Amino acid sequence: MSSLFKTLWGPQERVARQERHVTCLQASQGQITVHVDGSALGSPGPAGYGGLCRDNFGRWLMGFYGDAGVGENLKAELLAILHGMKLAWRANFRNILCVSDSLLAVNLVLGSLDVLHKYAPIIAHIKELLQQSWSVCVCHSLQEGNQSADFLSKLGPNCGVNLVVWIPCLRVYTRL
């Protein structure tokens, strides 16, 4: 009994925490990064999604967010991937690195389709998009490397709009 007590409440060995520097994944030459994220305020609760596209130098190309209605975080994560891919395709980006901080969403997109899954129609739509004539790599990132998409996803719940797209304005300077 005393050994059980020591195991459960006795002095614990301290495991040294290792700090690591987390940055957002960047695209290689000629590749566009599409960072996506979903957010739900409860489970289920008001949900939204968001993301942004950057070139291989990290420059902002476009951002987006939208209201996903009432749902779970996974639904919002999948809708973020879906809308990010749709926008990238429409913008004629053909070499994509899609980054999500939801390992479950990434695995559902990359794995075989379970037609009985709650979100099978969304997953099937994403898989259909990935079959287009373009190069798309879907990968997982830690939350700390996906903060810009996280910020945009939090604009989605209750915004009342299915999709808002932000495209930067070009500044034109002339000499007088």
Protein backbone atom coordinates (compact mmCIF):
# COMPACT_ATOMS: atom_id res chain seq x y z
CA MET A 1 0.00 0.00 0.00
CA SER A 2 2.81 2.41 0.84
CA SER A 3 4.42 1.87 -2.57
CA LEU A 4 1.08 2.68 -4.22
CA PHE A 5 0.82 5.81 -2.07
CA LYS A 6 4.33 6.88 -3.08
CA THR A 7 3.55 6.20 -6.72
CA LEU A 8 0.40 8.29 -6.67
CA TRP A 9 1.29 11.07 -4.22
CA GLY A 10 4.99 10.78 -3.54
CA PRO A 11 7.72 12.97 -4.92
CA GLN A 12 7.59 13.01 -8.69
CA GLU A 13 10.54 13.11 -11.00
CA ARG A 14 10.67 16.41 -12.74
CA VAL A 15 10.80 16.16 -16.47
CA ALA A 16 12.81 18.96 -17.97
CA ARG A 17 10.65 21.03 -20.29
CA GLN A 18 12.26 21.76 -23.54
CA GLU A 19 11.49 25.07 -25.16
CA ARG A 20 11.03 25.10 -28.89
CA HIS A 21 10.69 27.95 -31.30
CA VAL A 22 7.49 27.66 -33.33
CA THR A 23 7.02 29.55 -36.59
CA CYS A 24 4.45 29.30 -39.32
CA LEU A 25 5.24 26.93 -42.17
CA GLN A 26 6.36 28.77 -45.26
CA ALA A 27 5.96 27.75 -48.85
CA SER A 28 8.86 26.86 -51.07
CA GLN A 29 9.67 28.82 -54.23
CA GLY A 30 6.56 29.29 -56.38
CA GLN A 31 4.26 27.80 -53.75
CA ILE A 32 1.37 29.54 -51.98
CA THR A 33 0.65 28.81 -48.32
CA VAL A 34 -3.01 28.67 -47.32
CA HIS A 35 -3.25 28.81 -43.51
CA VAL A 36 -6.71 27.78 -42.28
CA ASP A 37 -8.43 27.49 -38.92
CA GLY A 38 -11.87 26.86 -37.46
CA SER A 39 -13.39 28.11 -34.24
CA ALA A 40 -16.46 27.08 -32.25
CA LEU A 41 -17.70 28.90 -29.17
CA GLY A 42 -18.97 25.77 -27.45
CA SER A 43 -19.54 22.22 -28.61
CA PRO A 44 -21.84 22.73 -30.34
CA GLY A 45 -21.89 26.50 -30.47
CA PRO A 46 -21.58 29.42 -32.87
CA ALA A 47 -18.80 28.44 -35.26
CA GLY A 48 -16.67 30.17 -37.86
CA TYR A 49 -13.69 29.60 -40.06
CA GLY A 50 -10.94 31.72 -41.51
CA GLY A 51 -7.62 31.70 -43.24
CA LEU A 52 -5.13 33.53 -45.38
CA CYS A 53 -2.97 33.00 -48.44
CA ARG A 54 0.69 34.02 -48.49
CA ASP A 55 3.38 33.77 -51.12
CA ASN A 56 6.72 32.09 -50.48
CA PHE A 57 8.09 35.36 -49.05
CA GLY A 58 5.30 35.46 -46.46
CA ARG A 59 3.47 38.35 -48.14
CA TRP A 60 -0.30 38.52 -47.63
CA LEU A 61 -2.22 37.73 -50.82
CA MET A 62 -5.74 37.39 -49.41
CA GLY A 63 -7.61 36.56 -46.25
CA PHE A 64 -11.06 35.18 -45.57
CA TYR A 65 -13.51 34.28 -42.83
CA GLY A 66 -17.09 33.14 -42.57
CA ASP A 67 -19.94 32.03 -40.35
CA ALA A 68 -20.30 28.24 -40.09
CA GLY A 69 -23.59 28.36 -38.17
CA VAL A 70 -23.92 26.29 -35.02
CA GLY A 71 -21.57 23.34 -34.85
CA GLU A 72 -18.46 21.75 -33.47
CA ASN A 73 -14.88 22.85 -33.97
CA LEU A 74 -14.20 19.99 -36.42
CA LYS A 75 -16.94 21.21 -38.75
CA ALA A 76 -15.40 24.70 -38.71
CA GLU A 77 -11.90 23.29 -39.33
CA LEU A 78 -13.13 21.30 -42.34
CA LEU A 79 -15.04 24.30 -43.72
CA ALA A 80 -11.86 26.38 -43.38
CA ILE A 81 -9.96 23.85 -45.51
CA LEU A 82 -12.80 23.69 -48.03
CA HIS A 83 -13.14 27.46 -48.44
CA GLY A 84 -9.37 27.98 -48.44
CA MET A 85 -8.98 25.46 -51.27
CA LYS A 86 -11.89 26.95 -53.24
CA LEU A 87 -10.44 30.45 -52.96
CA ALA A 88 -6.95 29.26 -53.93
CA TRP A 89 -8.36 27.50 -57.00
CA ARG A 90 -10.40 30.57 -58.04
CA ALA A 91 -7.33 32.79 -57.58
CA ASN A 92 -5.49 30.50 -60.02
CA PHE A 93 -2.96 29.35 -57.42
CA ARG A 94 -1.79 25.93 -58.61
CA ASN A 95 0.97 24.99 -56.16
CA ILE A 96 -0.46 25.01 -52.63
CA LEU A 97 0.70 24.21 -49.11
CA CYS A 98 -2.48 24.04 -46.99
CA VAL A 99 -1.72 24.32 -43.27
CA SER A 100 -4.20 23.48 -40.49
CA ASP A 101 -3.67 23.19 -36.74
CA SER A 102 -6.31 20.43 -36.57
CA LEU A 103 -4.58 17.09 -36.89
CA LEU A 104 -7.97 15.36 -36.96
CA ALA A 105 -9.16 17.46 -39.91
CA VAL A 106 -5.88 16.86 -41.79
CA ASN A 107 -6.12 13.10 -41.19
CA LEU A 108 -9.76 13.03 -42.35
CA VAL A 109 -8.83 14.86 -45.55
CA LEU A 110 -5.78 12.70 -46.28
CA GLY A 111 -7.31 9.36 -45.23
CA SER A 112 -9.90 7.26 -46.98
CA LEU A 113 -13.44 8.63 -46.91
CA ASP A 114 -15.76 7.17 -44.29
CA VAL A 115 -19.18 7.71 -45.91
CA LEU A 116 -20.82 7.32 -42.49
CA HIS A 117 -18.79 10.14 -40.93
CA LYS A 118 -20.86 13.06 -39.66
CA TYR A 119 -19.03 15.45 -42.00
CA ALA A 120 -18.58 13.07 -44.96
CA PRO A 121 -20.15 15.52 -47.47
CA ILE A 122 -17.66 18.28 -46.53
CA ILE A 123 -14.72 15.85 -46.56
CA ALA A 124 -15.83 14.44 -49.94
CA HIS A 125 -16.03 17.96 -51.38
CA ILE A 126 -12.48 18.71 -50.18
CA LYS A 127 -11.21 15.43 -51.65
CA GLU A 128 -12.90 16.30 -54.95
CA LEU A 129 -11.15 19.69 -54.98
CA LEU A 130 -7.80 18.04 -54.28
CA GLN A 131 -8.23 15.94 -57.45
CA GLN A 132 -8.13 19.05 -59.68
CA SER A 133 -5.07 19.61 -61.86
CA TRP A 134 -2.90 21.29 -59.26
CA SER A 135 -0.38 20.42 -56.58
CA VAL A 136 -1.72 20.56 -53.00
CA CYS A 137 0.07 19.43 -49.85
CA VAL A 138 -2.18 19.40 -46.77
CA CYS A 139 -0.21 19.41 -43.53
CA HIS A 140 -0.54 19.95 -39.79
CA SER A 141 1.01 22.78 -37.80
CA LEU A 142 1.00 23.60 -34.12
CA GLN A 143 -1.48 26.28 -33.04
CA GLU A 144 1.35 28.69 -32.33
CA GLY A 145 2.36 28.58 -36.00
CA ASN A 146 -1.17 29.31 -37.19
CA GLN A 147 -2.11 32.41 -35.20
CA SER A 148 -3.06 34.62 -38.15
CA ALA A 149 -5.63 32.08 -39.35
CA ASP A 150 -6.83 31.68 -35.77
CA PHE A 151 -7.47 35.43 -35.55
CA LEU A 152 -9.49 35.40 -38.78
CA SER A 153 -11.47 32.32 -37.73
CA LYS A 154 -12.64 34.14 -34.61
CA LEU A 155 -14.24 36.82 -36.82
CA GLY A 156 -16.51 34.17 -38.35
CA PRO A 157 -18.93 33.13 -35.60
CA ASN A 158 -22.00 35.35 -35.63
CA CYS A 159 -20.73 37.54 -38.49
CA GLY A 160 -23.86 36.55 -40.40
CA VAL A 161 -22.06 36.12 -43.71
CA ASN A 162 -21.09 32.83 -45.33
CA LEU A 163 -17.80 34.18 -46.72
CA VAL A 164 -15.88 37.45 -46.48
CA VAL A 165 -12.73 37.81 -48.59
CA TRP A 166 -10.06 40.44 -47.96
CA ILE A 167 -7.83 41.25 -50.91
CA PRO A 168 -5.13 43.88 -50.33
CA CYS A 169 -5.32 47.11 -52.27
CA LEU A 170 -2.27 48.00 -54.29
CA ARG A 171 -0.78 51.36 -53.49
CA VAL A 172 0.21 53.43 -56.48
CA TYR A 173 2.57 56.31 -55.87
CA THR A 174 3.26 59.05 -58.38
CA ARG A 175 5.71 61.91 -58.25
CA LEU A 176 4.28 65.37 -58.60
